Amino acid sequence: GLAYAREEGLRVLPLCPFVKSYMHRHPETHDL
């Protein structure tokens, strides 16, 4: 999902707790 967002130039709003937690643990995704 995050790769798709990056490829499409989309900003991410992680309302899903799992994706939010994943992004928290992976700072390289914070630019999204």
Full PDB file with SEQRES, HELIX, SHEET, SSBOND, CRYST1, ORIGX, SCALE, CONECT and MASTER records, all heavy atoms in Angstrom:
SEQRES   1 A   32  GLY LEU ALA TYR ALA ARG GLU GLU GLY LEU ARG VAL LEU          
SEQRES   2 A   32  PRO LEU CYS PRO PHE VAL LYS SER TYR MET HIS ARG HIS          
SEQRES   3 A   32  PRO GLU THR HIS ASP LEU                                      
HELIX    1 AA1 LEU A    2  GLU A    8  1                                   7    
HELIX    2 AA2 PRO A   17  ARG A   25  1                                   9    
HELIX    3 AA3 PRO A   27  THR A   29  5                                   3    
CRYST1    1.000    1.000    1.000  90.00  90.00  90.00 P 1           1          
ORIGX1      1.000000  0.000000  0.000000        0.00000                         
ORIGX2      0.000000  1.000000  0.000000        0.00000                         
ORIGX3      0.000000  0.000000  1.000000        0.00000                         
SCALE1      1.000000  0.000000  0.000000        0.00000                         
SCALE2      0.000000  1.000000  0.000000        0.00000                         
SCALE3      0.000000  0.000000  1.000000        0.00000                         
ATOM      1  N   GLY A   1       0.810  -1.209   0.000  1.00  0.00           N  
ATOM      2  CA  GLY A   1       0.000   0.000   0.000  1.00  0.00           C  
ATOM      3  C   GLY A   1       0.845   1.260   0.000  1.00  0.00           C  
ATOM      4  O   GLY A   1       0.571   2.213  -0.739  1.00  0.00           O  
ATOM      5  N   LEU A   2       1.891   1.260   0.806  1.00  0.00           N  
ATOM      6  CA  LEU A   2       2.764   2.435   0.872  1.00  0.00           C  
ATOM      7  C   LEU A   2       3.580   2.595  -0.408  1.00  0.00           C  
ATOM      8  O   LEU A   2       3.805   3.720  -0.864  1.00  0.00           O  
ATOM      9  CB  LEU A   2       3.667   2.342   2.099  1.00  0.00           C  
ATOM     10  CG  LEU A   2       2.917   2.457   3.426  1.00  0.00           C  
ATOM     11  CD1 LEU A   2       3.812   2.055   4.590  1.00  0.00           C  
ATOM     12  CD2 LEU A   2       2.351   3.859   3.625  1.00  0.00           C  
ATOM     13  N   ALA A   3       3.995   1.491  -1.008  1.00  0.00           N  
ATOM     14  CA  ALA A   3       4.711   1.563  -2.291  1.00  0.00           C  
ATOM     15  C   ALA A   3       3.795   2.150  -3.361  1.00  0.00           C  
ATOM     16  O   ALA A   3       4.222   2.979  -4.179  1.00  0.00           O  
ATOM     17  CB  ALA A   3       5.208   0.177  -2.700  1.00  0.00           C  
ATOM     18  N   TYR A   4       2.541   1.740  -3.351  1.00  0.00           N  
ATOM     19  CA  TYR A   4       1.566   2.283  -4.302  1.00  0.00           C  
ATOM     20  C   TYR A   4       1.414   3.793  -4.095  1.00  0.00           C  
ATOM     21  O   TYR A   4       1.415   4.564  -5.060  1.00  0.00           O  
ATOM     22  CB  TYR A   4       0.227   1.571  -4.140  1.00  0.00           C  
ATOM     23  CG  TYR A   4      -0.877   2.157  -4.965  1.00  0.00           C  
ATOM     24  CD1 TYR A   4      -0.943   1.942  -6.336  1.00  0.00           C  
ATOM     25  CD2 TYR A   4      -1.867   2.946  -4.376  1.00  0.00           C  
ATOM     26  CE1 TYR A   4      -1.963   2.488  -7.104  1.00  0.00           C  
ATOM     27  CE2 TYR A   4      -2.897   3.495  -5.135  1.00  0.00           C  
ATOM     28  CZ  TYR A   4      -2.928   3.263  -6.495  1.00  0.00           C  
ATOM     29  OH  TYR A   4      -3.939   3.814  -7.254  1.00  0.00           O  
ATOM     30  N   ALA A   5       1.291   4.207  -2.841  1.00  0.00           N  
ATOM     31  CA  ALA A   5       1.160   5.642  -2.545  1.00  0.00           C  
ATOM     32  C   ALA A   5       2.364   6.407  -3.086  1.00  0.00           C  
ATOM     33  O   ALA A   5       2.208   7.458  -3.719  1.00  0.00           O  
ATOM     34  CB  ALA A   5       1.023   5.855  -1.034  1.00  0.00           C  
ATOM     35  N   ARG A   6       3.554   5.870  -2.861  1.00  0.00           N  
ATOM     36  CA  ARG A   6       4.768   6.543  -3.331  1.00  0.00           C  
ATOM     37  C   ARG A   6       4.799   6.617  -4.859  1.00  0.00           C  
ATOM     38  O   ARG A   6       5.077   7.656  -5.444  1.00  0.00           O  
ATOM     39  CB  ARG A   6       6.006   5.823  -2.790  1.00  0.00           C  
ATOM     40  CG  ARG A   6       7.290   6.586  -3.051  1.00  0.00           C  
ATOM     41  CD  ARG A   6       8.482   5.984  -2.356  1.00  0.00           C  
ATOM     42  NE  ARG A   6       8.417   5.901  -0.908  1.00  0.00           N  
ATOM     43  CZ  ARG A   6       8.561   6.923  -0.071  1.00  0.00           C  
ATOM     44  NH1 ARG A   6       8.745   8.141  -0.544  1.00  0.00           N  
ATOM     45  NH2 ARG A   6       8.514   6.739   1.230  1.00  0.00           N  
ATOM     46  N   GLU A   7       4.476   5.501  -5.517  1.00  0.00           N  
ATOM     47  CA  GLU A   7       4.483   5.457  -6.985  1.00  0.00           C  
ATOM     48  C   GLU A   7       3.491   6.438  -7.589  1.00  0.00           C  
ATOM     49  O   GLU A   7       3.743   7.031  -8.641  1.00  0.00           O  
ATOM     50  CB  GLU A   7       4.131   4.050  -7.468  1.00  0.00           C  
ATOM     51  CG  GLU A   7       5.197   3.019  -7.208  1.00  0.00           C  
ATOM     52  CD  GLU A   7       4.688   1.593  -7.358  1.00  0.00           C  
ATOM     53  OE1 GLU A   7       3.554   1.388  -7.852  1.00  0.00           O  
ATOM     54  OE2 GLU A   7       5.425   0.672  -6.967  1.00  0.00           O  
ATOM     55  N   GLU A   8       2.352   6.610  -6.924  1.00  0.00           N  
ATOM     56  CA  GLU A   8       1.293   7.474  -7.446  1.00  0.00           C  
ATOM     57  C   GLU A   8       1.405   8.921  -6.957  1.00  0.00           C  
ATOM     58  O   GLU A   8       0.586   9.757  -7.320  1.00  0.00           O  
ATOM     59  CB  GLU A   8      -0.083   6.907  -7.054  1.00  0.00           C  
ATOM     60  CG  GLU A   8      -0.383   5.553  -7.680  1.00  0.00           C  
ATOM     61  CD  GLU A   8      -0.445   5.606  -9.192  1.00  0.00           C  
ATOM     62  OE1 GLU A   8      -1.074   6.524  -9.743  1.00  0.00           O  
ATOM     63  OE2 GLU A   8       0.169   4.712  -9.839  1.00  0.00           O  
ATOM     64  N   GLY A   9       2.389   9.203  -6.113  1.00  0.00           N  
ATOM     65  CA  GLY A   9       2.560  10.555  -5.592  1.00  0.00           C  
ATOM     66  C   GLY A   9       1.466  10.971  -4.625  1.00  0.00           C  
ATOM     67  O   GLY A   9       1.122  12.150  -4.535  1.00  0.00           O  
ATOM     68  N   LEU A  10       0.940  10.004  -3.870  1.00  0.00           N  
ATOM     69  CA  LEU A  10      -0.155  10.270  -2.928  1.00  0.00           C  
ATOM     70  C   LEU A  10       0.371  10.487  -1.520  1.00  0.00           C  
ATOM     71  O   LEU A  10       1.320   9.829  -1.095  1.00  0.00           O  
ATOM     72  CB  LEU A  10      -1.136   9.090  -2.911  1.00  0.00           C  
ATOM     73  CG  LEU A  10      -1.805   8.746  -4.236  1.00  0.00           C  
ATOM     74  CD1 LEU A  10      -2.553   7.422  -4.116  1.00  0.00           C  
ATOM     75  CD2 LEU A  10      -2.732   9.867  -4.668  1.00  0.00           C  
ATOM     76  N   ARG A  11      -0.262  11.381  -0.791  1.00  0.00           N  
ATOM     77  CA  ARG A  11      -0.017  11.527   0.639  1.00  0.00           C  
ATOM     78  C   ARG A  11      -0.818  10.436   1.341  1.00  0.00           C  
ATOM     79  O   ARG A  11      -1.832   9.961   0.829  1.00  0.00           O  
ATOM     80  CB  ARG A  11      -0.446  12.900   1.139  1.00  0.00           C  
ATOM     81  CG  ARG A  11       0.439  14.008   0.649  1.00  0.00           C  
ATOM     82  CD  ARG A  11       1.776  13.858   1.282  1.00  0.00           C  
ATOM     83  NE  ARG A  11       2.659  14.945   0.921  1.00  0.00           N  
ATOM     84  CZ  ARG A  11       3.899  14.994   1.344  1.00  0.00           C  
ATOM     85  NH1 ARG A  11       4.374  14.050   2.116  1.00  0.00           N  
ATOM     86  NH2 ARG A  11       4.662  15.973   0.989  1.00  0.00           N  
ATOM     87  N   VAL A  12      -0.370  10.053   2.541  1.00  0.00           N  
ATOM     88  CA  VAL A  12      -0.983   8.951   3.276  1.00  0.00           C  
ATOM     89  C   VAL A  12      -1.622   9.453   4.562  1.00  0.00           C  
ATOM     90  O   VAL A  12      -1.009  10.204   5.330  1.00  0.00           O  
ATOM     91  CB  VAL A  12       0.079   7.871   3.609  1.00  0.00           C  
ATOM     92  CG1 VAL A  12      -0.484   6.805   4.540  1.00  0.00           C  
ATOM     93  CG2 VAL A  12       0.611   7.251   2.324  1.00  0.00           C  
ATOM     94  N   LEU A  13      -2.846   9.006   4.797  1.00  0.00           N  
ATOM     95  CA  LEU A  13      -3.534   9.201   6.073  1.00  0.00           C  
ATOM     96  C   LEU A  13      -3.814   7.798   6.621  1.00  0.00           C  
ATOM     97  O   LEU A  13      -4.720   7.113   6.151  1.00  0.00           O  
ATOM     98  CB  LEU A  13      -4.835   9.983   5.883  1.00  0.00           C  
ATOM     99  CG  LEU A  13      -5.648  10.256   7.139  1.00  0.00           C  
ATOM    100  CD1 LEU A  13      -4.836  11.002   8.190  1.00  0.00           C  
ATOM    101  CD2 LEU A  13      -6.905  11.036   6.783  1.00  0.00           C  
ATOM    102  N   PRO A  14      -2.990   7.332   7.588  1.00  0.00           N  
ATOM    103  CA  PRO A  14      -3.138   5.968   8.087  1.00  0.00           C  
ATOM    104  C   PRO A  14      -4.141   5.880   9.246  1.00  0.00           C  
ATOM    105  O   PRO A  14      -3.761   5.866  10.419  1.00  0.00           O  
ATOM    106  CB  PRO A  14      -1.720   5.610   8.547  1.00  0.00           C  
ATOM    107  CG  PRO A  14      -1.145   6.915   9.002  1.00  0.00           C  
ATOM    108  CD  PRO A  14      -1.779   7.975   8.109  1.00  0.00           C  
ATOM    109  N   LEU A  15      -5.421   5.809   8.922  1.00  0.00           N  
ATOM    110  CA  LEU A  15      -6.431   5.655   9.968  1.00  0.00           C  
ATOM    111  C   LEU A  15      -6.442   4.233  10.517  1.00  0.00           C  
ATOM    112  O   LEU A  15      -6.870   4.007  11.649  1.00  0.00           O  
ATOM    113  CB  LEU A  15      -7.818   6.033   9.438  1.00  0.00           C  
ATOM    114  CG  LEU A  15      -7.984   7.483   8.997  1.00  0.00           C  
ATOM    115  CD1 LEU A  15      -9.428   7.748   8.577  1.00  0.00           C  
ATOM    116  CD2 LEU A  15      -7.550   8.458  10.093  1.00  0.00           C  
ATOM    117  N   CYS A  16      -5.977   3.285   9.733  1.00  0.00           N  
ATOM    118  CA  CYS A  16      -5.854   1.898  10.168  1.00  0.00           C  
ATOM    119  C   CYS A  16      -4.745   1.810  11.218  1.00  0.00           C  
ATOM    120  O   CYS A  16      -3.617   2.218  10.953  1.00  0.00           O  
ATOM    121  CB  CYS A  16      -5.523   1.006   8.971  1.00  0.00           C  
ATOM    122  SG  CYS A  16      -4.949  -0.628   9.428  1.00  0.00           S  
ATOM    123  N   PRO A  17      -5.040   1.281  12.414  1.00  0.00           N  
ATOM    124  CA  PRO A  17      -4.008   1.186  13.455  1.00  0.00           C  
ATOM    125  C   PRO A  17      -2.781   0.370  13.035  1.00  0.00           C  
ATOM    126  O   PRO A  17      -1.660   0.697  13.425  1.00  0.00           O  
ATOM    127  CB  PRO A  17      -4.730   0.512  14.628  1.00  0.00           C  
ATOM    128  CG  PRO A  17      -6.176   0.791  14.396  1.00  0.00           C  
ATOM    129  CD  PRO A  17      -6.351   0.844  12.908  1.00  0.00           C  
ATOM    130  N   PHE A  18      -2.972  -0.659  12.227  1.00  0.00           N  
ATOM    131  CA  PHE A  18      -1.830  -1.478  11.810  1.00  0.00           C  
ATOM    132  C   PHE A  18      -0.882  -0.677  10.918  1.00  0.00           C  
ATOM    133  O   PHE A  18       0.330  -0.694  11.127  1.00  0.00           O  
ATOM    134  CB  PHE A  18      -2.288  -2.753  11.091  1.00  0.00           C  
ATOM    135  CG  PHE A  18      -1.137  -3.664  10.771  1.00  0.00           C  
ATOM    136  CD1 PHE A  18      -0.719  -4.606  11.688  1.00  0.00           C  
ATOM    137  CD2 PHE A  18      -0.455  -3.554   9.563  1.00  0.00           C  
ATOM    138  CE1 PHE A  18       0.377  -5.428  11.413  1.00  0.00           C  
ATOM    139  CE2 PHE A  18       0.633  -4.365   9.287  1.00  0.00           C  
ATOM    140  CZ  PHE A  18       1.051  -5.306  10.212  1.00  0.00           C  
ATOM    141  N   VAL A  19      -1.423   0.021   9.940  1.00  0.00           N  
ATOM    142  CA  VAL A  19      -0.573   0.818   9.033  1.00  0.00           C  
ATOM    143  C   VAL A  19       0.073   1.967   9.808  1.00  0.00           C  
ATOM    144  O   VAL A  19       1.256   2.258   9.617  1.00  0.00           O  
ATOM    145  CB  VAL A  19      -1.367   1.336   7.818  1.00  0.00           C  
ATOM    146  CG1 VAL A  19      -0.512   2.254   6.950  1.00  0.00           C  
ATOM    147  CG2 VAL A  19      -1.893   0.169   6.997  1.00  0.00           C  
ATOM    148  N   LYS A  20      -0.672   2.572  10.714  1.00  0.00           N  
ATOM    149  CA  LYS A  20      -0.113   3.648  11.535  1.00  0.00           C  
ATOM    150  C   LYS A  20       1.069   3.131  12.358  1.00  0.00           C  
ATOM    151  O   LYS A  20       2.124   3.760  12.422  1.00  0.00           O  
ATOM    152  CB  LYS A  20      -1.192   4.227  12.448  1.00  0.00           C  
ATOM    153  CG  LYS A  20      -0.718   5.393  13.276  1.00  0.00           C  
ATOM    154  CD  LYS A  20      -1.840   5.972  14.112  1.00  0.00           C  
ATOM    155  CE  LYS A  20      -1.327   7.112  14.954  1.00  0.00           C  
ATOM    156  NZ  LYS A  20      -2.370   7.670  15.821  1.00  0.00           N  
ATOM    157  N   SER A  21       0.912   1.968  12.966  1.00  0.00           N  
ATOM    158  CA  SER A  21       1.987   1.366  13.754  1.00  0.00           C  
ATOM    159  C   SER A  21       3.186   1.010  12.876  1.00  0.00           C  
ATOM    160  O   SER A  21       4.345   1.231  13.254  1.00  0.00           O  
ATOM    161  CB  SER A  21       1.456   0.120  14.467  1.00  0.00           C  
ATOM    162  OG  SER A  21       2.477  -0.538  15.148  1.00  0.00           O  
ATOM    163  N   TYR A  22       2.924   0.464  11.700  1.00  0.00           N  
ATOM    164  CA  TYR A  22       3.993   0.132  10.761  1.00  0.00           C  
ATOM    165  C   TYR A  22       4.779   1.395  10.412  1.00  0.00           C  
ATOM    166  O   TYR A  22       6.014   1.403  10.436  1.00  0.00           O  
ATOM    167  CB  TYR A  22       3.434  -0.519   9.490  1.00  0.00           C  
ATOM    168  CG  TYR A  22       4.513  -0.831   8.486  1.00  0.00           C  
ATOM    169  CD1 TYR A  22       5.170  -2.059   8.507  1.00  0.00           C  
ATOM    170  CD2 TYR A  22       4.915   0.112   7.542  1.00  0.00           C  
ATOM    171  CE1 TYR A  22       6.192  -2.337   7.606  1.00  0.00           C  
ATOM    172  CE2 TYR A  22       5.929  -0.161   6.639  1.00  0.00           C  
ATOM    173  CZ  TYR A  22       6.563  -1.383   6.682  1.00  0.00           C  
ATOM    174  OH  TYR A  22       7.588  -1.648   5.788  1.00  0.00           O  
ATOM    175  N   MET A  23       4.080   2.463  10.089  1.00  0.00           N  
ATOM    176  CA  MET A  23       4.746   3.708   9.710  1.00  0.00           C  
ATOM    177  C   MET A  23       5.534   4.284  10.884  1.00  0.00           C  
ATOM    178  O   MET A  23       6.613   4.844  10.691  1.00  0.00           O  
ATOM    179  CB  MET A  23       3.736   4.714   9.164  1.00  0.00           C  
ATOM    180  CG  MET A  23       3.164   4.300   7.818  1.00  0.00           C  
ATOM    181  SD  MET A  23       2.066   5.547   7.094  1.00  0.00           S  
ATOM    182  CE  MET A  23       3.296   6.717   6.453  1.00  0.00           C  
ATOM    183  N   HIS A  24       5.012   4.140  12.084  1.00  0.00           N  
ATOM    184  CA  HIS A  24       5.721   4.620  13.272  1.00  0.00           C  
ATOM    185  C   HIS A  24       7.081   3.929  13.395  1.00  0.00           C  
ATOM    186  O   HIS A  24       8.083   4.574  13.724  1.00  0.00           O  
ATOM    187  CB  HIS A  24       4.872   4.364  14.517  1.00  0.00           C  
ATOM    188  CG  HIS A  24       5.551   4.752  15.789  1.00  0.00           C  
ATOM    189  ND1 HIS A  24       5.688   6.067  16.181  1.00  0.00           N  
ATOM    190  CD2 HIS A  24       6.148   3.999  16.743  1.00  0.00           C  
ATOM    191  CE1 HIS A  24       6.345   6.099  17.333  1.00  0.00           C  
ATOM    192  NE2 HIS A  24       6.631   4.860  17.695  1.00  0.00           N  
ATOM    193  N   ARG A  25       7.114   2.633  13.103  1.00  0.00           N  
ATOM    194  CA  ARG A  25       8.349   1.851  13.223  1.00  0.00           C  
ATOM    195  C   ARG A  25       9.282   2.024  12.011  1.00  0.00           C  
ATOM    196  O   ARG A  25      10.419   1.556  12.053  1.00  0.00           O  
ATOM    197  CB  ARG A  25       8.023   0.357  13.384  1.00  0.00           C  
ATOM    198  CG  ARG A  25       7.338   0.016  14.693  1.00  0.00           C  
ATOM    199  CD  ARG A  25       7.180  -1.487  14.902  1.00  0.00           C  
ATOM    200  NE  ARG A  25       6.714  -2.224  13.737  1.00  0.00           N  
ATOM    201  CZ  ARG A  25       5.438  -2.410  13.395  1.00  0.00           C  
ATOM    202  NH1 ARG A  25       4.481  -1.884  14.138  1.00  0.00           N  
ATOM    203  NH2 ARG A  25       5.114  -3.117  12.329  1.00  0.00           N  
ATOM    204  N   HIS A  26       8.801   2.661  10.959  1.00  0.00           N  
ATOM    205  CA  HIS A  26       9.593   2.830   9.735  1.00  0.00           C  
ATOM    206  C   HIS A  26       9.645   4.306   9.332  1.00  0.00           C  
ATOM    207  O   HIS A  26       8.869   4.770   8.496  1.00  0.00           O  
ATOM    208  CB  HIS A  26       9.004   1.971   8.603  1.00  0.00           C  
ATOM    209  CG  HIS A  26       9.131   0.515   8.868  1.00  0.00           C  
ATOM    210  ND1 HIS A  26       8.206  -0.198   9.592  1.00  0.00           N  
ATOM    211  CD2 HIS A  26      10.110  -0.358   8.529  1.00  0.00           C  
ATOM    212  CE1 HIS A  26       8.600  -1.453   9.677  1.00  0.00           C  
ATOM    213  NE2 HIS A  26       9.756  -1.576   9.054  1.00  0.00           N  
ATOM    214  N   PRO A  27      10.581   5.038   9.923  1.00  0.00           N  
ATOM    215  CA  PRO A  27      10.674   6.475   9.643  1.00  0.00           C  
ATOM    216  C   PRO A  27      10.870   6.819   8.176  1.00  0.00           C  
ATOM    217  O   PRO A  27      10.549   7.926   7.749  1.00  0.00           O  
ATOM    218  CB  PRO A  27      11.878   6.937  10.468  1.00  0.00           C  
ATOM    219  CG  PRO A  27      12.242   5.826  11.371  1.00  0.00           C  
ATOM    220  CD  PRO A  27      11.559   4.589  10.891  1.00  0.00           C  
ATOM    221  N   GLU A  28      11.373   5.872   7.396  1.00  0.00           N  
ATOM    222  CA  GLU A  28      11.560   6.137   5.959  1.00  0.00           C  
ATOM    223  C   GLU A  28      10.240   6.333   5.234  1.00  0.00           C  
ATOM    224  O   GLU A  28      10.220   6.755   4.076  1.00  0.00           O  
ATOM    225  CB  GLU A  28      12.382   5.009   5.307  1.00  0.00           C  
ATOM    226  CG  GLU A  28      11.663   3.679   5.192  1.00  0.00           C  
ATOM    227  CD  GLU A  28      11.744   2.774   6.431  1.00  0.00           C  
ATOM    228  OE1 GLU A  28      12.170   3.234   7.501  1.00  0.00           O  
ATOM    229  OE2 GLU A  28      11.366   1.601   6.309  1.00  0.00           O  
ATOM    230  N   THR A  29       9.121   6.049   5.899  1.00  0.00           N  
ATOM    231  CA  THR A  29       7.799   6.253   5.297  1.00  0.00           C  
ATOM    232  C   THR A  29       7.169   7.580   5.702  1.00  0.00           C  
ATOM    233  O   THR A  29       6.135   7.949   5.168  1.00  0.00           O  
ATOM    234  CB  THR A  29       6.829   5.115   5.682  1.00  0.00           C  
ATOM    235  OG1 THR A  29       6.576   5.154   7.095  1.00  0.00           O  
ATOM    236  CG2 THR A  29       7.389   3.757   5.282  1.00  0.00           C  
ATOM    237  N   HIS A  30       7.772   8.285   6.649  1.00  0.00           N  
ATOM    238  CA  HIS A  30       7.142   9.487   7.201  1.00  0.00           C  
ATOM    239  C   HIS A  30       6.959  10.601   6.176  1.00  0.00           C  
ATOM    240  O   HIS A  30       6.068  11.443   6.329  1.00  0.00           O  
ATOM    241  CB  HIS A  30       7.931   9.996   8.408  1.00  0.00           C  
ATOM    242  CG  HIS A  30       7.858   9.064   9.578  1.00  0.00           C  
ATOM    243  ND1 HIS A  30       8.438   9.355  10.790  1.00  0.00           N  
ATOM    244  CD2 HIS A  30       7.285   7.844   9.721  1.00  0.00           C  
ATOM    245  CE1 HIS A  30       8.221   8.356  11.631  1.00  0.00           C  
ATOM    246  NE2 HIS A  30       7.529   7.427  11.006  1.00  0.00           N  
ATOM    247  N   ASP A  31       7.776  10.605   5.128  1.00  0.00           N  
ATOM    248  CA  ASP A  31       7.622  11.634   4.101  1.00  0.00           C  
ATOM    249  C   ASP A  31       6.307  11.488   3.339  1.00  0.00           C  
ATOM    250  O   ASP A  31       5.861  12.421   2.683  1.00  0.00           O  
ATOM    251  CB  ASP A  31       8.801  11.605   3.123  1.00  0.00           C  
ATOM    252  CG  ASP A  31       8.874  10.311   2.323  1.00  0.00           C  
ATOM    253  OD1 ASP A  31       8.880   9.230   2.951  1.00  0.00           O  
ATOM    254  OD2 ASP A  31       8.926  10.374   1.085  1.00  0.00           O  
ATOM    255  N   LEU A  32       5.672  10.325   3.456  1.00  0.00           N  
ATOM    256  CA  LEU A  32       4.392  10.096   2.777  1.00  0.00           C  
ATOM    257  C   LEU A  32       3.195  10.656   3.557  1.00  0.00           C  
ATOM    258  O   LEU A  32       2.120  10.827   2.995  1.00  0.00           O  
ATOM    259  CB  LEU A  32       4.169   8.588   2.568  1.00  0.00           C  
ATOM    260  CG  LEU A  32       5.128   7.891   1.624  1.00  0.00           C  
ATOM    261  CD1 LEU A  32       4.926   6.381   1.689  1.00  0.00           C  
ATOM    262  CD2 LEU A  32       4.931   8.394   0.208  1.00  0.00           C  
TER     263      LEU A  32                                                      
MASTER        0    0    0    3    0    0    0    6  262    1    0    3          
END                                                                             
